[in-house]
Amino acid sequence: MKICIVSDSHDRADPLARAVHAAKALGAESVIHCGDLIGAQTVKPALAAGLPVHAIHGNNLGDAQAMHYQSRMSGGLLQYHGAEARLELGGRRLIVTHYDHHGYALACTGEWDLVCCGHSHRAEARPVPDVKGGATWLVNPGTVAGLAAPATWVLADLAAMRFEVHTLDL
């Protein structure tokens, strides 16, 4: 299963939608948004791609009530998880948190196959040694909005545990 991982769209609907549509064209079946979506209307153009979107709020909460409403009105496409999301996709255990330092700590536990985070606006995908003697993938897609950094998103192949950072031209 391939998924699109985005973060830190900060009310920029166009680059978010462009990343989701590009990921769908590359075979993505679902989207994870690692926070700082902010406005509930920001996700609407991305939902037009028809992929389920799992979103958390991050440190720039925006209007949580509007996000819950948008989720209810999306026909099941938008799942708003609040501060953190625990998911199973493609047979993998995932956790989504906003802060990159929390993501690193969660990866160190060895409880997850993939930890997705945001906040730093720096894209990276790396295995983190865990306390169980293995390694857990930590993926931060950077900022899809291109705020003080390139506009980036990640295409993840959960079957192969491969992660490609993609850049948008803004």
Foldseek 3Di string as FASTA:
>chain_A
DKEKEAEQQQLVQVLLLVSLLVLVVVPHQAYEYQANCADLVSCVSNCVSVHAYEYEHAPNRHDVVSNVVSCVVSVNRYDYDYAKDWDQDPNFTEIGHEDLVVQLVVFQAVPGQEYEYEDPLDFDWDWHQHPVRRTHIYTYQGHCNQDVHFNWMWMADVVVRDIDIDTDDD
